[in-house]
Amino acid sequence: MPFFTEVEPVVCPYCGEQIEIIVDGSIEQQSYTEDCSVCCRPMEVTVTVIGDAVAVSVRREDD
């Protein structure tokens, strides 16, 4: 799979603000923790890549 990055909009599960995160599309399935750029709380990010489609979901780290 070729390397590509995507800027994806997500809504922070803590503060409700829409933010953009950069995801690495070279890995088909990944989960990692990233801090919200607005409230700085840790979100668990899950990225799934199928072909050229990227699905991103975020949830509270304490869920």
PDB file of N, CA and C in Angstrom:
ATOM      1  N   MET A   1       0.851  -1.185   0.000  1.00  0.00           N
ATOM      2  CA  MET A   1       0.000   0.000   0.000  1.00  0.00           C
ATOM      3  C   MET A   1       0.891   1.240   0.000  1.00  0.00           C
ATOM      4  N   PRO A   2       0.620   2.198  -0.857  1.00  0.00           N
ATOM      5  CA  PRO A   2       1.434   3.412  -0.895  1.00  0.00           C
ATOM      6  C   PRO A   2       1.198   4.285   0.335  1.00  0.00           C
ATOM      7  N   PHE A   3       2.208   5.066   0.675  1.00  0.00           N
ATOM      8  CA  PHE A   3       2.116   5.977   1.817  1.00  0.00           C
ATOM      9  C   PHE A   3       1.312   7.211   1.421  1.00  0.00           C
ATOM     10  N   PHE A   4       0.385   7.608   2.256  1.00  0.00           N
ATOM     11  CA  PHE A   4      -0.290   8.885   2.068  1.00  0.00           C
ATOM     12  C   PHE A   4      -0.782   9.374   3.422  1.00  0.00           C
ATOM     13  N   THR A   5      -0.913  10.665   3.538  1.00  0.00           N
ATOM     14  CA  THR A   5      -1.474  11.246   4.750  1.00  0.00           C
ATOM     15  C   THR A   5      -2.753  11.971   4.365  1.00  0.00           C
ATOM     16  N   GLU A   6      -3.657  12.011   5.301  1.00  0.00           N
ATOM     17  CA  GLU A   6      -4.940  12.671   5.112  1.00  0.00           C
ATOM     18  C   GLU A   6      -5.174  13.611   6.285  1.00  0.00           C
ATOM     19  N   VAL A   7      -5.778  14.734   6.022  1.00  0.00           N
ATOM     20  CA  VAL A   7      -6.251  15.615   7.084  1.00  0.00           C
ATOM     21  C   VAL A   7      -7.728  15.315   7.233  1.00  0.00           C
ATOM     22  N   GLU A   8      -8.103  14.846   8.406  1.00  0.00           N
ATOM     23  CA  GLU A   8      -9.482  14.424   8.642  1.00  0.00           C
ATOM     24  C   GLU A   8     -10.118  15.266   9.748  1.00  0.00           C
ATOM     25  N   PRO A   9     -11.348  15.751   9.531  1.00  0.00           N
ATOM     26  CA  PRO A   9     -12.051  16.465  10.596  1.00  0.00           C
ATOM     27  C   PRO A   9     -12.675  15.466  11.573  1.00  0.00           C
ATOM     28  N   VAL A  10     -12.556  15.751  12.852  1.00  0.00           N
ATOM     29  CA  VAL A  10     -13.192  14.952  13.902  1.00  0.00           C
ATOM     30  C   VAL A  10     -13.753  15.906  14.946  1.00  0.00           C
ATOM     31  N   VAL A  11     -14.673  15.409  15.751  1.00  0.00           N
ATOM     32  CA  VAL A  11     -15.230  16.204  16.847  1.00  0.00           C
ATOM     33  C   VAL A  11     -14.691  15.647  18.148  1.00  0.00           C
ATOM     34  N   CYS A  12     -14.072  16.484  18.945  1.00  0.00           N
ATOM     35  CA  CYS A  12     -13.510  16.062  20.223  1.00  0.00           C
ATOM     36  C   CYS A  12     -14.626  15.533  21.127  1.00  0.00           C
ATOM     37  N   PRO A  13     -14.443  14.329  21.683  1.00  0.00           N
ATOM     38  CA  PRO A  13     -15.474  13.767  22.555  1.00  0.00           C
ATOM     39  C   PRO A  13     -15.545  14.444  23.930  1.00  0.00           C
ATOM     40  N   TYR A  14     -14.616  15.312  24.236  1.00  0.00           N
ATOM     41  CA  TYR A  14     -14.623  16.034  25.512  1.00  0.00           C
ATOM     42  C   TYR A  14     -15.245  17.423  25.372  1.00  0.00           C
ATOM     43  N   CYS A  15     -14.671  18.254  24.478  1.00  0.00           N
ATOM     44  CA  CYS A  15     -15.113  19.646  24.405  1.00  0.00           C
ATOM     45  C   CYS A  15     -16.111  19.900  23.270  1.00  0.00           C
ATOM     46  N   GLY A  16     -16.274  18.942  22.350  1.00  0.00           N
ATOM     47  CA  GLY A  16     -17.236  19.090  21.276  1.00  0.00           C
ATOM     48  C   GLY A  16     -16.783  19.948  20.112  1.00  0.00           C
ATOM     49  N   GLU A  17     -15.541  20.421  20.143  1.00  0.00           N
ATOM     50  CA  GLU A  17     -15.027  21.243  19.043  1.00  0.00           C
ATOM     51  C   GLU A  17     -14.604  20.367  17.871  1.00  0.00           C
ATOM     52  N   GLN A  18     -14.858  20.861  16.653  1.00  0.00           N
ATOM     53  CA  GLN A  18     -14.363  20.157  15.472  1.00  0.00           C
ATOM     54  C   GLN A  18     -12.907  20.541  15.269  1.00  0.00           C
ATOM     55  N   ILE A  19     -12.055  19.532  15.142  1.00  0.00           N
ATOM     56  CA  ILE A  19     -10.630  19.749  14.913  1.00  0.00           C
ATOM     57  C   ILE A  19     -10.206  18.905  13.721  1.00  0.00           C
ATOM     58  N   GLU A  20      -9.014  19.156  13.219  1.00  0.00           N
ATOM     59  CA  GLU A  20      -8.461  18.355  12.142  1.00  0.00           C
ATOM     60  C   GLU A  20      -7.254  17.592  12.659  1.00  0.00           C
ATOM     61  N   ILE A  21      -7.182  16.319  12.296  1.00  0.00           N
ATOM     62  CA  ILE A  21      -6.010  15.529  12.655  1.00  0.00           C
ATOM     63  C   ILE A  21      -5.409  14.971  11.366  1.00  0.00           C
ATOM     64  N   ILE A  22      -4.119  14.727  11.397  1.00  0.00           N
ATOM     65  CA  ILE A  22      -3.417  14.151  10.264  1.00  0.00           C
ATOM     66  C   ILE A  22      -3.258  12.664  10.528  1.00  0.00           C
ATOM     67  N   VAL A  23      -3.708  11.844   9.589  1.00  0.00           N
ATOM     68  CA  VAL A  23      -3.611  10.395   9.755  1.00  0.00           C
ATOM     69  C   VAL A  23      -2.696   9.813   8.690  1.00  0.00           C
ATOM     70  N   ASP A  24      -2.012   8.745   9.054  1.00  0.00           N
ATOM     71  CA  ASP A  24      -1.102   8.016   8.173  1.00  0.00           C
ATOM     72  C   ASP A  24      -1.890   6.921   7.470  1.00  0.00           C
ATOM     73  N   GLY A  25      -2.055   7.045   6.179  1.00  0.00           N
ATOM     74  CA  GLY A  25      -2.836   6.085   5.420  1.00  0.00           C
ATOM     75  C   GLY A  25      -2.066   4.862   4.957  1.00  0.00           C
ATOM     76  N   SER A  26      -0.811   4.722   5.366  1.00  0.00           N
ATOM     77  CA  SER A  26      -0.027   3.571   4.935  1.00  0.00           C
ATOM     78  C   SER A  26      -0.272   2.340   5.807  1.00  0.00           C
ATOM     79  N   ILE A  27      -0.998   2.506   6.909  1.00  0.00           N
ATOM     80  CA  ILE A  27      -1.315   1.405   7.813  1.00  0.00           C
ATOM     81  C   ILE A  27      -2.821   1.181   7.752  1.00  0.00           C
ATOM     82  N   GLU A  28      -3.236  -0.046   7.434  1.00  0.00           N
ATOM     83  CA  GLU A  28      -4.658  -0.311   7.217  1.00  0.00           C
ATOM     84  C   GLU A  28      -5.518  -0.156   8.466  1.00  0.00           C
ATOM     85  N   GLN A  29      -5.015  -0.546   9.618  1.00  0.00           N
ATOM     86  CA  GLN A  29      -5.781  -0.449  10.867  1.00  0.00           C
ATOM     87  C   GLN A  29      -4.834   0.018  11.964  1.00  0.00           C
ATOM     88  N   GLN A  30      -5.215   1.079  12.665  1.00  0.00           N
ATOM     89  CA  GLN A  30      -4.376   1.577  13.750  1.00  0.00           C
ATOM     90  C   GLN A  30      -5.213   2.287  14.795  1.00  0.00           C
ATOM     91  N   SER A  31      -4.721   2.258  16.021  1.00  0.00           N
ATOM     92  CA  SER A  31      -5.314   2.995  17.135  1.00  0.00           C
ATOM     93  C   SER A  31      -4.188   3.652  17.893  1.00  0.00           C
ATOM     94  N   TYR A  32      -4.414   4.882  18.300  1.00  0.00           N
ATOM     95  CA  TYR A  32      -3.399   5.611  19.059  1.00  0.00           C
ATOM     96  C   TYR A  32      -4.076   6.728  19.842  1.00  0.00           C
ATOM     97  N   THR A  33      -3.329   7.329  20.742  1.00  0.00           N
ATOM     98  CA  THR A  33      -3.839   8.428  21.556  1.00  0.00           C
ATOM     99  C   THR A  33      -3.274   9.741  21.033  1.00  0.00           C
ATOM    100  N   GLU A  34      -4.162  10.720  20.885  1.00  0.00           N
ATOM    101  CA  GLU A  34      -3.758  12.060  20.455  1.00  0.00           C
ATOM    102  C   GLU A  34      -4.525  13.078  21.285  1.00  0.00           C
ATOM    103  N   ASP A  35      -3.837  14.119  21.707  1.00  0.00           N
ATOM    104  CA  ASP A  35      -4.483  15.169  22.494  1.00  0.00           C
ATOM    105  C   ASP A  35      -5.274  16.104  21.592  1.00  0.00           C
ATOM    106  N   CYS A  36      -6.436  16.523  22.076  1.00  0.00           N
ATOM    107  CA  CYS A  36      -7.242  17.513  21.373  1.00  0.00           C
ATOM    108  C   CYS A  36      -6.452  18.824  21.314  1.00  0.00           C
ATOM    109  N   SER A  37      -6.445  19.454  20.145  1.00  0.00           N
ATOM    110  CA  SER A  37      -5.699  20.705  19.993  1.00  0.00           C
ATOM    111  C   SER A  37      -6.403  21.885  20.658  1.00  0.00           C
ATOM    112  N   VAL A  38      -7.653  21.699  21.100  1.00  0.00           N
ATOM    113  CA  VAL A  38      -8.392  22.775  21.767  1.00  0.00           C
ATOM    114  C   VAL A  38      -8.318  22.620  23.284  1.00  0.00           C
ATOM    115  N   CYS A  39      -8.725  21.455  23.806  1.00  0.00           N
ATOM    116  CA  CYS A  39      -8.798  21.277  25.262  1.00  0.00           C
ATOM    117  C   CYS A  39      -7.657  20.432  25.836  1.00  0.00           C
ATOM    118  N   CYS A  40      -6.833  19.876  24.969  1.00  0.00           N
ATOM    119  CA  CYS A  40      -5.644  19.094  25.364  1.00  0.00           C
ATOM    120  C   CYS A  40      -5.942  17.780  26.066  1.00  0.00           C
ATOM    121  N   ARG A  41      -7.176  17.313  26.022  1.00  0.00           N
ATOM    122  CA  ARG A  41      -7.493  16.019  26.626  1.00  0.00           C
ATOM    123  C   ARG A  41      -7.168  14.890  25.654  1.00  0.00           C
ATOM    124  N   PRO A  42      -6.817  13.707  26.179  1.00  0.00           N
ATOM    125  CA  PRO A  42      -6.412  12.598  25.302  1.00  0.00           C
ATOM    126  C   PRO A  42      -7.600  11.871  24.684  1.00  0.00           C
ATOM    127  N   MET A  43      -7.582  11.759  23.361  1.00  0.00           N
ATOM    128  CA  MET A  43      -8.616  11.038  22.623  1.00  0.00           C
ATOM    129  C   MET A  43      -7.997   9.762  22.071  1.00  0.00           C
ATOM    130  N   GLU A  44      -8.764   8.684  22.060  1.00  0.00           N
ATOM    131  CA  GLU A  44      -8.315   7.475  21.390  1.00  0.00           C
ATOM    132  C   GLU A  44      -8.789   7.547  19.941  1.00  0.00           C
ATOM    133  N   VAL A  45      -7.850   7.536  19.016  1.00  0.00           N
ATOM    134  CA  VAL A  45      -8.134   7.658  17.595  1.00  0.00           C
ATOM    135  C   VAL A  45      -8.029   6.278  16.959  1.00  0.00           C
ATOM    136  N   THR A  46      -9.030   5.898  16.168  1.00  0.00           N
ATOM    137  CA  THR A  46      -8.994   4.653  15.409  1.00  0.00           C
ATOM    138  C   THR A  46      -9.102   5.001  13.932  1.00  0.00           C
ATOM    139  N   VAL A  47      -8.156   4.483  13.151  1.00  0.00           N
ATOM    140  CA  VAL A  47      -8.114   4.756  11.716  1.00  0.00           C
ATOM    141  C   VAL A  47      -8.198   3.428  10.972  1.00  0.00           C
ATOM    142  N   THR A  48      -9.088   3.369   9.993  1.00  0.00           N
ATOM    143  CA  THR A  48      -9.222   2.197   9.126  1.00  0.00           C
ATOM    144  C   THR A  48      -9.105   2.681   7.689  1.00  0.00           C
ATOM    145  N   VAL A  49      -8.227   2.036   6.920  1.00  0.00           N
ATOM    146  CA  VAL A  49      -8.023   2.391   5.524  1.00  0.00           C
ATOM    147  C   VAL A  49      -8.430   1.202   4.659  1.00  0.00           C
ATOM    148  N   ILE A  50      -9.334   1.460   3.710  1.00  0.00           N
ATOM    149  CA  ILE A  50      -9.735   0.448   2.731  1.00  0.00           C
ATOM    150  C   ILE A  50      -9.602   1.085   1.358  1.00  0.00           C
ATOM    151  N   GLY A  51      -8.579   0.670   0.616  1.00  0.00           N
ATOM    152  CA  GLY A  51      -8.308   1.295  -0.680  1.00  0.00           C
ATOM    153  C   GLY A  51      -7.922   2.740  -0.479  1.00  0.00           C
ATOM    154  N   ASP A  52      -8.671   3.648  -1.110  1.00  0.00           N
ATOM    155  CA  ASP A  52      -8.420   5.083  -0.954  1.00  0.00           C
ATOM    156  C   ASP A  52      -9.306   5.727   0.107  1.00  0.00           C
ATOM    157  N   ALA A  53     -10.181   4.937   0.731  1.00  0.00           N
ATOM    158  CA  ALA A  53     -11.106   5.472   1.733  1.00  0.00           C
ATOM    159  C   ALA A  53     -10.493   5.383   3.127  1.00  0.00           C
ATOM    160  N   VAL A  54     -10.648   6.455   3.887  1.00  0.00           N
ATOM    161  CA  VAL A  54     -10.135   6.518   5.249  1.00  0.00           C
ATOM    162  C   VAL A  54     -11.298   6.778   6.193  1.00  0.00           C
ATOM    163  N   ALA A  55     -11.448   5.921   7.199  1.00  0.00           N
ATOM    164  CA  ALA A  55     -12.474   6.121   8.228  1.00  0.00           C
ATOM    165  C   ALA A  55     -11.756   6.410   9.547  1.00  0.00           C
ATOM    166  N   VAL A  56     -12.139   7.498  10.197  1.00  0.00           N
ATOM    167  CA  VAL A  56     -11.520   7.910  11.443  1.00  0.00           C
ATOM    168  C   VAL A  56     -12.601   8.067  12.503  1.00  0.00           C
ATOM    169  N   SER A  57     -12.364   7.497  13.669  1.00  0.00           N
ATOM    170  CA  SER A  57     -13.281   7.706  14.785  1.00  0.00           C
ATOM    171  C   SER A  57     -12.464   8.057  16.021  1.00  0.00           C
ATOM    172  N   VAL A  58     -13.054   8.839  16.902  1.00  0.00           N
ATOM    173  CA  VAL A  58     -12.400   9.220  18.149  1.00  0.00           C
ATOM    174  C   VAL A  58     -13.342   8.949  19.309  1.00  0.00           C
ATOM    175  N   ARG A  59     -12.759   8.623  20.442  1.00  0.00           N
ATOM    176  CA  ARG A  59     -13.561   8.435  21.650  1.00  0.00           C
ATOM    177  C   ARG A  59     -12.737   8.876  22.844  1.00  0.00           C
ATOM    178  N   ARG A  60     -13.426   9.058  23.948  1.00  0.00           N
ATOM    179  CA  ARG A  60     -12.753   9.442  25.176  1.00  0.00           C
ATOM    180  C   ARG A  60     -11.806   8.343  25.611  1.00  0.00           C
ATOM    181  N   GLU A  61     -10.665   8.705  26.096  1.00  0.00           N
ATOM    182  CA  GLU A  61      -9.707   7.711  26.540  1.00  0.00           C
ATOM    183  C   GLU A  61     -10.207   6.990  27.786  1.00  0.00           C
ATOM    184  N   ASP A  62     -11.066   7.629  28.572  1.00  0.00           N
ATOM    185  CA  ASP A  62     -11.550   7.017  29.806  1.00  0.00           C
ATOM    186  C   ASP A  62     -12.855   6.228  29.625  1.00  0.00           C
ATOM    187  N   ASP A  63     -13.293   6.035  28.377  1.00  0.00           N
ATOM    188  CA  ASP A  63     -14.503   5.231  28.114  1.00  0.00           C
ATOM    189  C   ASP A  63     -14.189   3.747  28.165  1.00  0.00           C
TER     190      ASP A  63
END
